[in-house]
Amino acid sequence: MANSASGMHVSDECKLKFLELKAKRNYRFIVFKIDEKAQQVMIDMVGNPEETYDDFTKCMPENECRYAVYDFDFTTPENCQKSKIFFIAWSPDTSRVRSKMLYASSKDRFKRELDGIQVELQATDPSEMSLDIIKGRVNL
């Protein structure tokens, strides 16, 4: 299994959509999944720019692992508009052990393909990626 994980391919669509999120802000979030048969990371779903953090968290499956990027807009205490791109590794306790291992062993390689991630979160249940945690990571 270690060999298959290290050889995980990232589809061009993943890279393209991420660039669109980063440069053009066409999306609020992107959820990625690993297609085990195809041995590649693929797009699971995308969120429109007007979608909220709640919309995003509802997209995360209860029993399956996912990777996600979220473009978080915020206002600093000095009243400056900013945004940070979060990478979230979602690995719920209820997901299959094989799936958790596959996502864990492929994460770093996948993250390297997405240039511009500013904050990383690892979450095993929704409380670990709450809006308060996100705000805390940007020092709000």
N, C-alpha and C. Protein backbone atom coordinates (compact mmCIF):
# COMPACT_ATOMS: atom_id res chain seq x y z
N MET A 1 0.82 -1.20 0.00
CA MET A 1 0.00 0.00 0.00
C MET A 1 0.86 1.26 0.00
N ALA A 2 2.02 1.23 0.64
CA ALA A 2 2.87 2.42 0.69
C ALA A 2 3.25 2.86 -0.73
N ASN A 3 3.52 1.88 -1.61
CA ASN A 3 3.88 2.24 -2.98
C ASN A 3 2.73 2.90 -3.71
N SER A 4 1.52 2.39 -3.52
CA SER A 4 0.38 2.99 -4.22
C SER A 4 0.11 4.40 -3.71
N ALA A 5 0.30 4.62 -2.43
CA ALA A 5 0.04 5.94 -1.87
C ALA A 5 1.07 6.94 -2.38
N SER A 6 2.33 6.53 -2.42
CA SER A 6 3.36 7.46 -2.85
C SER A 6 3.22 7.78 -4.33
N GLY A 7 2.56 6.90 -5.10
CA GLY A 7 2.38 7.13 -6.52
C GLY A 7 1.05 7.80 -6.85
N MET A 8 0.38 8.39 -5.86
CA MET A 8 -0.92 9.01 -6.06
C MET A 8 -0.83 10.16 -7.05
N HIS A 9 -1.62 10.09 -8.09
CA HIS A 9 -1.62 11.12 -9.13
C HIS A 9 -2.63 12.21 -8.74
N VAL A 10 -2.31 13.45 -9.08
CA VAL A 10 -3.23 14.57 -8.84
C VAL A 10 -3.75 15.02 -10.20
N SER A 11 -5.06 14.98 -10.39
CA SER A 11 -5.61 15.35 -11.69
C SER A 11 -5.33 16.82 -11.99
N ASP A 12 -5.17 17.14 -13.28
CA ASP A 12 -4.92 18.52 -13.70
C ASP A 12 -6.08 19.42 -13.28
N GLU A 13 -7.29 18.87 -13.26
CA GLU A 13 -8.46 19.66 -12.87
C GLU A 13 -8.30 20.18 -11.44
N CYS A 14 -7.72 19.38 -10.55
CA CYS A 14 -7.49 19.82 -9.17
C CYS A 14 -6.61 21.06 -9.14
N LYS A 15 -5.51 21.01 -9.87
CA LYS A 15 -4.57 22.13 -9.89
C LYS A 15 -5.21 23.37 -10.52
N LEU A 16 -5.95 23.16 -11.60
CA LEU A 16 -6.59 24.27 -12.31
C LEU A 16 -7.63 24.96 -11.43
N LYS A 17 -8.48 24.18 -10.79
CA LYS A 17 -9.52 24.76 -9.92
C LYS A 17 -8.88 25.50 -8.75
N PHE A 18 -7.80 24.95 -8.19
CA PHE A 18 -7.13 25.62 -7.09
C PHE A 18 -6.56 26.96 -7.55
N LEU A 19 -5.94 26.99 -8.72
CA LEU A 19 -5.42 28.26 -9.25
C LEU A 19 -6.54 29.28 -9.45
N GLU A 20 -7.70 28.80 -9.90
CA GLU A 20 -8.85 29.71 -10.08
C GLU A 20 -9.33 30.24 -8.73
N LEU A 21 -9.33 29.40 -7.71
CA LEU A 21 -9.72 29.85 -6.37
C LEU A 21 -8.72 30.89 -5.87
N LYS A 22 -7.44 30.61 -6.05
CA LYS A 22 -6.38 31.47 -5.52
C LYS A 22 -6.29 32.80 -6.28
N ALA A 23 -6.28 32.75 -7.60
CA ALA A 23 -6.02 33.95 -8.40
C ALA A 23 -7.29 34.71 -8.76
N LYS A 24 -8.33 33.99 -9.15
CA LYS A 24 -9.54 34.66 -9.63
C LYS A 24 -10.65 34.71 -8.59
N ARG A 25 -10.48 33.92 -7.52
CA ARG A 25 -11.49 33.84 -6.45
C ARG A 25 -12.86 33.41 -7.00
N ASN A 26 -12.82 32.46 -7.93
CA ASN A 26 -14.04 31.91 -8.54
C ASN A 26 -14.81 31.00 -7.59
N TYR A 27 -14.14 30.50 -6.57
CA TYR A 27 -14.75 29.53 -5.66
C TYR A 27 -14.46 29.94 -4.22
N ARG A 28 -15.35 29.56 -3.31
CA ARG A 28 -15.12 29.75 -1.87
C ARG A 28 -14.33 28.57 -1.33
N PHE A 29 -14.65 27.37 -1.84
CA PHE A 29 -13.96 26.17 -1.36
C PHE A 29 -13.94 25.10 -2.44
N ILE A 30 -13.03 24.16 -2.26
CA ILE A 30 -12.95 22.98 -3.13
C ILE A 30 -12.75 21.78 -2.22
N VAL A 31 -13.53 20.74 -2.44
CA VAL A 31 -13.39 19.49 -1.69
C VAL A 31 -12.82 18.45 -2.66
N PHE A 32 -11.78 17.76 -2.22
CA PHE A 32 -11.11 16.76 -3.05
C PHE A 32 -11.28 15.38 -2.44
N LYS A 33 -11.32 14.36 -3.30
CA LYS A 33 -11.36 12.98 -2.79
C LYS A 33 -10.38 12.13 -3.57
N ILE A 34 -9.95 11.05 -2.94
CA ILE A 34 -9.06 10.11 -3.60
C ILE A 34 -9.91 9.01 -4.23
N ASP A 35 -9.73 8.82 -5.52
CA ASP A 35 -10.35 7.70 -6.23
C ASP A 35 -9.35 6.56 -6.14
N GLU A 36 -9.64 5.60 -5.27
CA GLU A 36 -8.68 4.52 -5.01
C GLU A 36 -8.42 3.66 -6.23
N LYS A 37 -9.45 3.42 -7.04
CA LYS A 37 -9.28 2.59 -8.23
C LYS A 37 -8.38 3.28 -9.25
N ALA A 38 -8.61 4.58 -9.47
CA ALA A 38 -7.83 5.33 -10.45
C ALA A 38 -6.48 5.81 -9.89
N GLN A 39 -6.30 5.65 -8.56
CA GLN A 39 -5.06 6.09 -7.90
C GLN A 39 -4.79 7.57 -8.13
N GLN A 40 -5.86 8.39 -7.98
CA GLN A 40 -5.63 9.81 -8.13
C GLN A 40 -6.57 10.64 -7.28
N VAL A 41 -6.12 11.86 -6.99
CA VAL A 41 -6.93 12.83 -6.26
C VAL A 41 -7.78 13.56 -7.29
N MET A 42 -9.09 13.67 -7.01
CA MET A 42 -10.03 14.30 -7.93
C MET A 42 -10.88 15.33 -7.19
N ILE A 43 -11.57 16.17 -7.95
CA ILE A 43 -12.50 17.15 -7.37
C ILE A 43 -13.76 16.41 -6.92
N ASP A 44 -14.19 16.66 -5.71
CA ASP A 44 -15.45 16.11 -5.22
C ASP A 44 -16.56 17.14 -5.41
N MET A 45 -16.29 18.38 -4.97
CA MET A 45 -17.27 19.47 -5.18
C MET A 45 -16.60 20.82 -5.01
N VAL A 46 -17.26 21.85 -5.55
CA VAL A 46 -16.75 23.21 -5.40
C VAL A 46 -17.88 24.08 -4.85
N GLY A 47 -17.50 25.13 -4.14
CA GLY A 47 -18.47 26.06 -3.57
C GLY A 47 -18.35 27.42 -4.24
N ASN A 48 -19.47 28.01 -4.56
CA ASN A 48 -19.50 29.34 -5.16
C ASN A 48 -18.97 30.38 -4.19
N PRO A 49 -18.50 31.53 -4.70
CA PRO A 49 -17.91 32.55 -3.81
C PRO A 49 -18.85 33.05 -2.72
N GLU A 50 -20.15 33.01 -2.95
CA GLU A 50 -21.09 33.54 -1.94
C GLU A 50 -21.46 32.52 -0.86
N GLU A 51 -20.95 31.29 -0.98
CA GLU A 51 -21.28 30.27 0.03
C GLU A 51 -20.54 30.56 1.34
N THR A 52 -21.14 30.09 2.43
CA THR A 52 -20.62 30.38 3.77
C THR A 52 -19.77 29.22 4.29
N TYR A 53 -19.15 29.45 5.44
CA TYR A 53 -18.36 28.38 6.06
C TYR A 53 -19.26 27.22 6.46
N ASP A 54 -20.50 27.52 6.89
CA ASP A 54 -21.45 26.45 7.22
C ASP A 54 -21.76 25.59 5.99
N ASP A 55 -21.93 26.24 4.83
CA ASP A 55 -22.17 25.48 3.59
C ASP A 55 -21.01 24.53 3.34
N PHE A 56 -19.80 25.03 3.57
CA PHE A 56 -18.61 24.21 3.37
C PHE A 56 -18.59 23.01 4.31
N THR A 57 -18.79 23.24 5.61
CA THR A 57 -18.69 22.14 6.57
C THR A 57 -19.76 21.07 6.32
N LYS A 58 -20.90 21.47 5.78
CA LYS A 58 -21.95 20.49 5.46
C LYS A 58 -21.55 19.58 4.31
N CYS A 59 -20.58 19.99 3.51
CA CYS A 59 -20.12 19.17 2.38
C CYS A 59 -19.19 18.04 2.80
N MET A 60 -18.68 18.12 4.02
CA MET A 60 -17.74 17.10 4.46
C MET A 60 -18.50 15.84 4.88
N PRO A 61 -18.21 14.70 4.24
CA PRO A 61 -18.96 13.48 4.56
C PRO A 61 -18.68 12.99 5.99
N GLU A 62 -19.69 12.41 6.58
CA GLU A 62 -19.61 11.98 7.97
C GLU A 62 -18.63 10.82 8.18
N ASN A 63 -18.56 9.90 7.19
CA ASN A 63 -17.77 8.68 7.38
C ASN A 63 -16.64 8.51 6.38
N GLU A 64 -16.29 9.56 5.63
CA GLU A 64 -15.26 9.43 4.60
C GLU A 64 -14.25 10.56 4.71
N CYS A 65 -13.00 10.24 4.40
CA CYS A 65 -11.93 11.24 4.42
C CYS A 65 -12.02 12.13 3.18
N ARG A 66 -11.52 13.34 3.32
CA ARG A 66 -11.44 14.28 2.21
C ARG A 66 -10.30 15.25 2.47
N TYR A 67 -9.84 15.89 1.41
CA TYR A 67 -8.99 17.07 1.51
C TYR A 67 -9.87 18.23 1.08
N ALA A 68 -9.60 19.42 1.60
CA ALA A 68 -10.36 20.58 1.16
C ALA A 68 -9.49 21.83 1.28
N VAL A 69 -9.80 22.81 0.44
CA VAL A 69 -9.22 24.14 0.59
C VAL A 69 -10.39 25.10 0.76
N TYR A 70 -10.19 26.07 1.64
CA TYR A 70 -11.23 27.05 1.92
C TYR A 70 -10.59 28.44 1.91
N ASP A 71 -11.18 29.35 1.15
CA ASP A 71 -10.69 30.73 1.08
C ASP A 71 -11.45 31.54 2.12
N PHE A 72 -10.77 31.85 3.23
CA PHE A 72 -11.42 32.52 4.36
C PHE A 72 -11.15 34.02 4.31
N ASP A 73 -12.22 34.80 4.14
CA ASP A 73 -12.14 36.26 4.16
C ASP A 73 -12.33 36.76 5.58
N PHE A 74 -11.54 37.77 5.95
CA PHE A 74 -11.69 38.33 7.29
C PHE A 74 -11.22 39.78 7.29
N THR A 75 -11.59 40.49 8.34
CA THR A 75 -11.17 41.87 8.53
C THR A 75 -10.26 41.91 9.75
N THR A 76 -9.09 42.50 9.59
CA THR A 76 -8.13 42.59 10.70
C THR A 76 -8.61 43.62 11.72
N PRO A 77 -8.04 43.61 12.93
CA PRO A 77 -8.39 44.64 13.92
C PRO A 77 -8.12 46.06 13.40
N GLU A 78 -7.19 46.18 12.43
CA GLU A 78 -6.89 47.49 11.83
C GLU A 78 -7.85 47.83 10.69
N ASN A 79 -8.89 46.99 10.51
CA ASN A 79 -9.93 47.19 9.51
C ASN A 79 -9.44 46.97 8.07
N CYS A 80 -8.49 46.04 7.89
CA CYS A 80 -8.03 45.67 6.55
C CYS A 80 -8.71 44.38 6.12
N GLN A 81 -9.16 44.35 4.86
CA GLN A 81 -9.76 43.14 4.29
C GLN A 81 -8.65 42.20 3.86
N LYS A 82 -8.69 40.96 4.33
CA LYS A 82 -7.69 39.97 3.97
C LYS A 82 -8.36 38.63 3.72
N SER A 83 -7.57 37.70 3.19
CA SER A 83 -8.05 36.32 3.08
C SER A 83 -6.87 35.39 3.23
N LYS A 84 -7.15 34.19 3.72
CA LYS A 84 -6.14 33.15 3.84
C LYS A 84 -6.73 31.87 3.27
N ILE A 85 -5.88 31.11 2.61
CA ILE A 85 -6.33 29.83 2.06
C ILE A 85 -5.95 28.73 3.04
N PHE A 86 -6.97 28.04 3.52
CA PHE A 86 -6.80 26.94 4.47
C PHE A 86 -6.80 25.61 3.72
N PHE A 87 -5.91 24.72 4.12
CA PHE A 87 -5.94 23.33 3.66
C PHE A 87 -6.45 22.51 4.83
N ILE A 88 -7.50 21.76 4.61
CA ILE A 88 -8.08 20.96 5.69
C ILE A 88 -8.02 19.48 5.30
N ALA A 89 -7.38 18.71 6.16
CA ALA A 89 -7.34 17.25 5.98
C ALA A 89 -8.42 16.68 6.90
N TRP A 90 -9.52 16.23 6.30
CA TRP A 90 -10.67 15.72 7.03
C TRP A 90 -10.55 14.20 7.10
N SER A 91 -10.44 13.67 8.31
CA SER A 91 -10.27 12.24 8.51
C SER A 91 -11.09 11.81 9.73
N PRO A 92 -12.42 11.67 9.54
CA PRO A 92 -13.26 11.34 10.70
C PRO A 92 -12.93 9.97 11.29
N ASP A 93 -13.10 9.87 12.60
CA ASP A 93 -12.82 8.62 13.31
C ASP A 93 -13.63 7.46 12.76
N THR A 94 -14.81 7.75 12.18
CA THR A 94 -15.71 6.71 11.69
C THR A 94 -15.35 6.22 10.29
N SER A 95 -14.34 6.81 9.64
CA SER A 95 -13.98 6.36 8.29
C SER A 95 -13.13 5.09 8.37
N ARG A 96 -13.01 4.39 7.25
CA ARG A 96 -12.26 3.14 7.20
C ARG A 96 -10.78 3.38 7.50
N VAL A 97 -10.16 2.45 8.18
CA VAL A 97 -8.74 2.57 8.53
C VAL A 97 -7.89 2.69 7.26
N ARG A 98 -8.17 1.88 6.26
CA ARG A 98 -7.41 1.93 5.00
C ARG A 98 -7.52 3.32 4.37
N SER A 99 -8.70 3.89 4.40
CA SER A 99 -8.91 5.22 3.83
C SER A 99 -8.10 6.27 4.59
N LYS A 100 -8.14 6.20 5.92
CA LYS A 100 -7.38 7.15 6.74
C LYS A 100 -5.89 7.06 6.44
N MET A 101 -5.39 5.83 6.29
CA MET A 101 -3.97 5.63 5.99
C MET A 101 -3.62 6.19 4.61
N LEU A 102 -4.48 5.96 3.65
CA LEU A 102 -4.24 6.43 2.29
C LEU A 102 -4.21 7.97 2.25
N TYR A 103 -5.16 8.60 2.90
CA TYR A 103 -5.20 10.07 2.92
C TYR A 103 -4.00 10.64 3.68
N ALA A 104 -3.63 10.01 4.79
CA ALA A 104 -2.50 10.50 5.58
C ALA A 104 -1.19 10.38 4.80
N SER A 105 -1.01 9.26 4.09
CA SER A 105 0.25 9.05 3.37
C SER A 105 0.34 9.86 2.08
N SER A 106 -0.77 10.33 1.56
CA SER A 106 -0.78 11.10 0.30
C SER A 106 -0.85 12.61 0.52
N LYS A 107 -1.11 13.03 1.75
CA LYS A 107 -1.39 14.45 2.03
C LYS A 107 -0.26 15.38 1.64
N ASP A 108 0.95 15.09 2.07
CA ASP A 108 2.06 16.02 1.81
C ASP A 108 2.33 16.19 0.32
N ARG A 109 2.29 15.09 -0.41
CA ARG A 109 2.51 15.19 -1.86
C ARG A 109 1.41 16.01 -2.51
N PHE A 110 0.17 15.79 -2.10
CA PHE A 110 -0.95 16.54 -2.68
C PHE A 110 -0.81 18.03 -2.36
N LYS A 111 -0.49 18.33 -1.11
CA LYS A 111 -0.34 19.74 -0.70
C LYS A 111 0.73 20.46 -1.50
N ARG A 112 1.81 19.77 -1.83
CA ARG A 112 2.88 20.38 -2.63
C ARG A 112 2.38 20.80 -4.01
N GLU A 113 1.36 20.11 -4.52
CA GLU A 113 0.80 20.46 -5.83
C GLU A 113 0.00 21.76 -5.79
N LEU A 114 -0.45 22.14 -4.60
CA LEU A 114 -1.28 23.33 -4.44
C LEU A 114 -0.44 24.45 -3.83
N ASP A 115 0.19 25.23 -4.67
CA ASP A 115 1.07 26.30 -4.20
C ASP A 115 0.23 27.50 -3.76
N GLY A 116 0.38 27.89 -2.50
CA GLY A 116 -0.35 29.06 -2.02
C GLY A 116 -1.18 28.78 -0.78
N ILE A 117 -1.08 27.59 -0.24
CA ILE A 117 -1.80 27.27 1.00
C ILE A 117 -1.09 27.98 2.15
N GLN A 118 -1.87 28.65 3.00
CA GLN A 118 -1.28 29.44 4.07
C GLN A 118 -1.44 28.82 5.45
N VAL A 119 -2.51 28.06 5.65
CA VAL A 119 -2.78 27.47 6.97
C VAL A 119 -3.26 26.04 6.75
N GLU A 120 -2.78 25.13 7.59
CA GLU A 120 -3.21 23.73 7.50
C GLU A 120 -3.93 23.33 8.78
N LEU A 121 -5.01 22.59 8.60
CA LEU A 121 -5.76 22.04 9.73
C LEU A 121 -5.94 20.55 9.51
N GLN A 122 -5.88 19.79 10.59
CA GLN A 122 -6.19 18.36 10.57
C GLN A 122 -7.44 18.21 11.43
N ALA A 123 -8.49 17.60 10.91
CA ALA A 123 -9.73 17.47 11.67
C ALA A 123 -10.26 16.05 11.62
N THR A 124 -10.67 15.54 12.80
CA THR A 124 -11.28 14.22 12.87
C THR A 124 -12.76 14.30 13.25
N ASP A 125 -13.20 15.47 13.69
CA ASP A 125 -14.63 15.70 13.90
C ASP A 125 -14.91 17.19 13.67
N PRO A 126 -16.18 17.55 13.44
CA PRO A 126 -16.51 18.93 13.06
C PRO A 126 -16.01 20.00 14.03
N SER A 127 -15.91 19.68 15.32
CA SER A 127 -15.46 20.69 16.29
C SER A 127 -14.02 21.12 16.04
N GLU A 128 -13.22 20.25 15.41
CA GLU A 128 -11.82 20.57 15.16
C GLU A 128 -11.61 21.48 13.95
N MET A 129 -12.70 21.77 13.24
CA MET A 129 -12.62 22.72 12.13
C MET A 129 -13.75 23.74 12.21
N SER A 130 -14.13 24.07 13.43
CA SER A 130 -15.20 25.06 13.64
C SER A 130 -14.73 26.44 13.19
N LEU A 131 -15.67 27.34 13.00
CA LEU A 131 -15.34 28.70 12.58
C LEU A 131 -14.45 29.39 13.62
N ASP A 132 -14.66 29.07 14.90
CA ASP A 132 -13.82 29.65 15.95
C ASP A 132 -12.36 29.21 15.80
N ILE A 133 -12.15 27.95 15.42
CA ILE A 133 -10.79 27.45 15.20
C ILE A 133 -10.16 28.19 14.01
N ILE A 134 -10.94 28.34 12.95
CA ILE A 134 -10.45 29.05 11.75
C ILE A 134 -10.05 30.48 12.13
N LYS A 135 -10.93 31.17 12.84
CA LYS A 135 -10.64 32.55 13.26
C LYS A 135 -9.41 32.60 14.15
N GLY A 136 -9.24 31.61 15.01
CA GLY A 136 -8.09 31.55 15.89
C GLY A 136 -6.79 31.40 15.12
N ARG A 137 -6.85 30.68 14.01
CA ARG A 137 -5.64 30.44 13.21
C ARG A 137 -5.22 31.68 12.42
N VAL A 138 -6.11 32.66 12.26
CA VAL A 138 -5.74 33.92 11.60
C VAL A 138 -5.63 35.04 12.62
N ASN A 139 -5.61 34.65 13.90
CA ASN A 139 -5.43 35.59 15.02
C ASN A 139 -6.51 36.66 15.10
N LEU A 140 -7.76 36.25 14.94
CA LEU A 140 -8.87 37.21 15.10
C LEU A 140 -9.40 37.15 16.52
